[in-house]
Amino acid sequence: MSSQKFNPTVSSTIAIHNFTSMDFDDNAIFVIVPRSSGKIALVSHNEKYMNMYYLNNIKCEGPGRGLNISVTFLDDYFVQFSISGFKGQDGKTYYVSCEPGNASYYRSLAVKKEQDHSTFFVIEPIGKATLTGTVALKDINGKFMSVTSTNGLTFDKTFVEENAIFEAHASGSKYTLIGSNSKYVNMYYVNDVKCEGPGGGLAVGLYNRPLRRVNLTISGYSGQDGKTYFLSNLPGNESYYGSLTVAKTESEHCCFQIEPISVADDNAKFTVKHDGSKLALIGNNRKYMNMYYVDDVKCEGPGGGLALEVGYNGDRTVFLTISGYEGQNRATYFLSIDTCCFYIDSVTQVSGTIALRDEHGAYLHVTNDKGLVFSHGAVDNNAKFTVKQNGNKVNLVGVGEWLIHNLIPGYGSYVNMYGIEYVQCKGPSSGLALGVNTLVNGLVRLTISGYQGQDGKTTYLSSHASKAKESLLVASDGSDASCCFVVKNC
């Protein structure tokens, strides 16, 4: 990690609202070039610098360093681009405007000597998305693409379950997707997309949009006549039993966010320690995140650590600021790993007393016969379990309750396993040792490993019923949604 001196919302690649066109394309994208004294220059898609003529007109045809401008941050995400220090300004500050300049310059922008409504802009960061590894695809409604029981595709859930997870592979400048059913996302007659390809699959291009969104483009196929089509979130032809439409033109239905999916192991977790408006981060190695010479950040501080403040961007990301240190000259720096924008995931705490909720909103309950079932209803004591740490694994102990001096079964009984096939809550002691995999959106997966008969494999606790009465299935495939749970701390 490193510290960075430029505001994270005006770095890398951006689009700027309130300019000349409502259309977003490559010509609306600008690359930021940091300059001295906190100023920046803008380079357009045509690889020319934004430049100025006679303190009056701005174009984008500069061959060299271009126009140095300052950025002023206002309320409600508005910014102004100011111009100062040029001969003829008499020490005054001028402003970039979205209004047209002198007609003789052939579509220039005006430079204003006073602020007005035309000098206010909104910046949209243009992320350079990647489509590799394990990912989920979210539409503008916050719903994730998932594989259906007919190998179709749909956008119908606001959370990531196993059927919404895809493996993405690069193939030249294009990408292919493999669903949780081990099939490739494929296309029929340049009209419909499903997930039942035996190999190869549909090759999609990636086009970056504002607000960290992307289009998945489809081109080069017979019947397209050289045109580019787009994957959409709209349902396709009913005869395909669950396909998505291939759109001939780009629209809001073709905009997606790519969310990398990863299991957060212990080394990805940090404890937050607050000190006033600032905070310190403590890693799994019990060391503080610390800084060297206001340039580099590691996690080996013996105490105190680096004091950070959290700022919030408009796209639900945050930036971590560094200020007040010797050598900064009162400037604010930013924690950076290629980007200064981060997502913060709350890590589910499987400790203390918990309840487990399945994909359908039902809670795990201990029955009168010390069985285990998922059922809807109140989270009473029979739905609560005490977590006991067992090395890097956990045991679950039923809480149960006393009722008029009669013990409700489940009190003090351990969740245990029979013959590596099913799970109940009848263990007198110790019980089943469960590993905890932290997934996205607060979900966890409970793993079972190291037992005789497993042949070194890992299995998973499932919410599905097993063959024994009031028991839960031990699943060999953890990719099923039945193996994902929400942990509620009681």
Foldseek 3Di string as FASTA:
>chain_A
DWKFFADQLQAAKKFKPLADDPDDDQQRMWHWAADPPRWIWTAGSVRFTWADDPLWWIDGHHPDDHATWHWDADPPQKIWTWHADDPPLVGAIKTWFRDFTDCVVPTTTTIGRDDDPRRIMHMFDWDDDDFAAKKWKAAPVQFTWFQDPLQAIAGDDNDDALRRIWGWDDDPQWIWTAGSVRFTFADDPLWWTGGHHPDDHFTWHWAIDTLQKIWTWHADDPPLVGAIWTWFNDFGDCVSPHITTTGRDDDSRRIIHMGHKDWQDQQNDWDWDDDPQWIWTAGPVRFTFADDPSTDIDGHHPDDHFTWHWAADPSQWIWIWHADDPPCPRGIITDDDPGRTHHDADWDDPAAKKWKAAPVRFIWFQAQVQFIATHDDDCDQRRMWHWDDDPQWIKTARCFDADPNDTRPRHGFTWADDPLWKIGGHHNDDHFTWHWTQIPPQKIFTWHADDPPCVGAIWTWFNDAGPDPRITGTGRDCSGRRRIIHMGDD
